[in-house]
C-alpha atoms as a PDB file:
ATOM      1  CA  MET A   1      13.741  -3.922 -14.381  1.00  0.00           C
ATOM      2  CA  SER A   2      11.829  -7.121 -13.970  1.00  0.00           C
ATOM      3  CA  SER A   3      10.228  -8.772 -16.956  1.00  0.00           C
ATOM      4  CA  ARG A   4       6.928  -8.980 -15.061  1.00  0.00           C
ATOM      5  CA  ASP A   5       4.163  -7.012 -16.667  1.00  0.00           C
ATOM      6  CA  TRP A   6       3.229  -3.869 -14.729  1.00  0.00           C
ATOM      7  CA  ILE A   7      -0.331  -5.119 -14.260  1.00  0.00           C
ATOM      8  CA  HIS A   8       1.020  -7.915 -12.083  1.00  0.00           C
ATOM      9  CA  TRP A   9       2.833  -5.348  -9.953  1.00  0.00           C
ATOM     10  CA  LEU A  10      -0.409  -3.424  -9.623  1.00  0.00           C
ATOM     11  CA  SER A  11      -2.147  -6.619  -8.546  1.00  0.00           C
ATOM     12  CA  ASP A  12       0.527  -6.970  -5.855  1.00  0.00           C
ATOM     13  CA  ILE A  13      -0.393  -3.508  -4.571  1.00  0.00           C
ATOM     14  CA  VAL A  14      -4.059  -4.489  -4.433  1.00  0.00           C
ATOM     15  CA  ASP A  15      -3.149  -7.706  -2.593  1.00  0.00           C
ATOM     16  CA  ALA A  16      -1.030  -5.786  -0.082  1.00  0.00           C
ATOM     17  CA  ILE A  17      -3.849  -3.327   0.629  1.00  0.00           C
ATOM     18  CA  GLN A  18      -6.312  -6.199   1.024  1.00  0.00           C
ATOM     19  CA  ASN A  19      -3.912  -7.807   3.502  1.00  0.00           C
ATOM     20  CA  VAL A  20      -3.648  -4.574   5.488  1.00  0.00           C
ATOM     21  CA  VAL A  21      -7.433  -4.303   5.619  1.00  0.00           C
ATOM     22  CA  GLU A  22      -7.685  -7.908   6.808  1.00  0.00           C
ATOM     23  CA  TYR A  23      -4.900  -7.583   9.390  1.00  0.00           C
ATOM     24  CA  THR A  24      -6.493  -4.510  10.968  1.00  0.00           C
ATOM     25  CA  ARG A  25     -10.125  -5.632  10.782  1.00  0.00           C
ATOM     26  CA  GLY A  26     -11.832  -5.371  14.149  1.00  0.00           C
ATOM     27  CA  MET A  27      -8.950  -3.500  15.761  1.00  0.00           C
ATOM     28  CA  ASP A  28      -8.826  -0.048  17.257  1.00  0.00           C
ATOM     29  CA  PHE A  29      -5.681   2.042  17.471  1.00  0.00           C
ATOM     30  CA  GLU A  30      -4.780   0.902  20.994  1.00  0.00           C
ATOM     31  CA  SER A  31      -4.970  -2.789  20.133  1.00  0.00           C
ATOM     32  CA  PHE A  32      -3.015  -2.167  16.921  1.00  0.00           C
ATOM     33  CA  ALA A  33      -0.281  -0.158  18.666  1.00  0.00           C
ATOM     34  CA  ASN A  34       0.068  -2.848  21.324  1.00  0.00           C
ATOM     35  CA  ASP A  35       0.253  -5.726  18.852  1.00  0.00           C
ATOM     36  CA  PRO A  36       3.776  -5.737  17.390  1.00  0.00           C
ATOM     37  CA  ARG A  37       3.012  -8.639  15.037  1.00  0.00           C
ATOM     38  CA  THR A  38       0.184  -6.805  13.348  1.00  0.00           C
ATOM     39  CA  LEU A  39       2.121  -3.545  13.243  1.00  0.00           C
ATOM     40  CA  HIS A  40       5.090  -5.282  11.626  1.00  0.00           C
ATOM     41  CA  ALA A  41       2.860  -7.185   9.188  1.00  0.00           C
ATOM     42  CA  VAL A  42       1.207  -3.947   8.068  1.00  0.00           C
ATOM     43  CA  VAL A  43       4.556  -2.192   7.689  1.00  0.00           C
ATOM     44  CA  TYR A  44       5.796  -5.139   5.633  1.00  0.00           C
ATOM     45  CA  CYS A  45       2.856  -4.665   3.250  1.00  0.00           C
ATOM     46  CA  PHE A  46       3.809  -0.998   2.823  1.00  0.00           C
ATOM     47  CA  ILE A  47       7.428  -1.607   1.863  1.00  0.00           C
ATOM     48  CA  SER A  48       6.960  -3.689  -1.275  1.00  0.00           C
ATOM     49  CA  ASN A  49       8.117  -0.879  -3.605  1.00  0.00           C
ATOM     50  CA  THR A  50       5.919  -2.235  -6.398  1.00  0.00           C
ATOM     51  CA  GLU A  51       4.557   1.172  -7.391  1.00  0.00           C
ATOM     52  CA  ARG A  52       7.889   1.969  -9.041  1.00  0.00           C
ATOM     53  CA  HIS A  53       7.030  -0.668 -11.656  1.00  0.00           C
ATOM     54  CA  ILE A  54       3.886   1.137 -12.750  1.00  0.00           C
ATOM     55  CA  PRO A  55       4.699   3.065 -15.953  1.00  0.00           C
ATOM     56  CA  GLU A  56       4.648   6.845 -15.746  1.00  0.00           C
ATOM     57  CA  GLU A  57       1.984   7.065 -18.432  1.00  0.00           C
ATOM     58  CA  ILE A  58      -0.312   4.866 -16.331  1.00  0.00           C
ATOM     59  CA  GLN A  59       0.399   6.922 -13.223  1.00  0.00           C
ATOM     60  CA  ASN A  60      -0.369  10.092 -15.185  1.00  0.00           C
ATOM     61  CA  LYS A  61      -3.595   8.598 -16.531  1.00  0.00           C
ATOM     62  CA  TYR A  62      -4.790   7.951 -12.954  1.00  0.00           C
ATOM     63  CA  PRO A  63      -3.822  11.065 -10.980  1.00  0.00           C
ATOM     64  CA  GLY A  64      -6.344  10.214  -8.249  1.00  0.00           C
ATOM     65  CA  ILE A  65      -4.016   7.461  -7.040  1.00  0.00           C
ATOM     66  CA  PRO A  66      -1.389   8.948  -4.708  1.00  0.00           C
ATOM     67  CA  TRP A  67       1.570   7.243  -6.397  1.00  0.00           C
ATOM     68  CA  ASP A  68       4.109   9.697  -4.941  1.00  0.00           C
ATOM     69  CA  LYS A  69       2.690   9.364  -1.430  1.00  0.00           C
ATOM     70  CA  MET A  70       2.841   5.579  -1.718  1.00  0.00           C
ATOM     71  CA  ARG A  71       6.484   5.811  -2.724  1.00  0.00           C
ATOM     72  CA  GLY A  72       7.177   8.339   0.024  1.00  0.00           C
ATOM     73  CA  MET A  73       5.594   6.194   2.726  1.00  0.00           C
ATOM     74  CA  ARG A  74       7.587   3.182   1.614  1.00  0.00           C
ATOM     75  CA  ASN A  75      10.838   5.146   1.599  1.00  0.00           C
ATOM     76  CA  PHE A  76      10.155   6.620   5.019  1.00  0.00           C
ATOM     77  CA  LEU A  77       9.360   3.231   6.529  1.00  0.00           C
ATOM     78  CA  VAL A  78      12.461   1.624   5.052  1.00  0.00           C
ATOM     79  CA  HIS A  79      14.894   4.381   5.951  1.00  0.00           C
ATOM     80  CA  GLU A  80      13.400   5.554   9.248  1.00  0.00           C
ATOM     81  CA  TYR A  81      12.207   2.204  10.599  1.00  0.00           C
ATOM     82  CA  PRO A  82      13.264   2.768  14.233  1.00  0.00           C
ATOM     83  CA  TRP A  83      11.185   5.967  14.357  1.00  0.00           C
ATOM     84  CA  ILE A  84       7.972   4.670  12.849  1.00  0.00           C
ATOM     85  CA  SER A  85       4.876   6.173  14.375  1.00  0.00           C
ATOM     86  CA  PRO A  86       2.207   3.529  14.978  1.00  0.00           C
ATOM     87  CA  ARG A  87      -0.376   6.329  14.730  1.00  0.00           C
ATOM     88  CA  ILE A  88       0.723   7.278  11.201  1.00  0.00           C
ATOM     89  CA  VAL A  89       0.794   3.639  10.119  1.00  0.00           C
ATOM     90  CA  TRP A  90      -2.673   3.131  11.637  1.00  0.00           C
ATOM     91  CA  GLU A  91      -4.151   6.215   9.980  1.00  0.00           C
ATOM     92  CA  THR A  92      -2.702   5.225   6.626  1.00  0.00           C
ATOM     93  CA  ALA A  93      -3.835   1.609   6.985  1.00  0.00           C
ATOM     94  CA  THR A  94      -7.385   2.364   8.065  1.00  0.00           C
ATOM     95  CA  LYS A  95      -8.218   5.652   6.356  1.00  0.00           C
ATOM     96  CA  ASP A  96      -5.999   6.104   3.299  1.00  0.00           C
ATOM     97  CA  LEU A  97      -5.640   2.607   1.881  1.00  0.00           C
ATOM     98  CA  PRO A  98      -9.166   1.127   1.825  1.00  0.00           C
ATOM     99  CA  PRO A  99     -10.539   3.793  -0.560  1.00  0.00           C
ATOM    100  CA  LEU A 100      -7.768   2.916  -3.026  1.00  0.00           C
ATOM    101  CA  LEU A 101      -8.946  -0.653  -3.506  1.00  0.00           C
ATOM    102  CA  LYS A 102     -11.809   0.135  -5.881  1.00  0.00           C
ATOM    103  CA  PRO A 103      -9.885   2.440  -8.257  1.00  0.00           C
ATOM    104  CA  LEU A 104      -6.831   0.169  -8.279  1.00  0.00           C
ATOM    105  CA  ARG A 105      -9.002  -2.840  -9.071  1.00  0.00           C
ATOM    106  CA  GLN A 106     -10.623  -0.809 -11.851  1.00  0.00           C
ATOM    107  CA  ILE A 107      -7.226  -0.091 -13.376  1.00  0.00           C
ATOM    108  CA  THR A 108      -6.399  -3.790 -13.414  1.00  0.00           C
ATOM    109  CA  GLU A 109      -9.752  -4.537 -15.039  1.00  0.00           C
ATOM    110  CA  ASP A 110      -9.206  -1.801 -17.629  1.00  0.00           C
ATOM    111  CA  PHE A 111      -5.940  -3.358 -18.792  1.00  0.00           C
ATOM    112  CA  GLU A 112      -6.272  -7.096 -18.264  1.00  0.00           C
ATOM    113  CA  VAL A 113      -6.802  -9.125 -21.385  1.00  0.00           C
END
């Protein structure tokens, strides 16, 4: 495992979600689905696999964060790339991710020194 501290990996997750929010700002599903650059950029943000670097005790302390779903989405996108549904990516990007920003930022604040 990398020598990077897990808090830096968590910051990477926050950065990726912020990027997804920025990339999709002002778009509707149709424009997103018809814009392969944005679709690919959002998918790229999902596949970082950084959540595996967050210690189990931290994940257990914050059960409101869908750690397993994050891992599952990443694995699906990596292994099933040709069959990606733009609708699922859109729904995840616009409905599931933005509410995670505040609690993830709070975790980083709780542990940064």
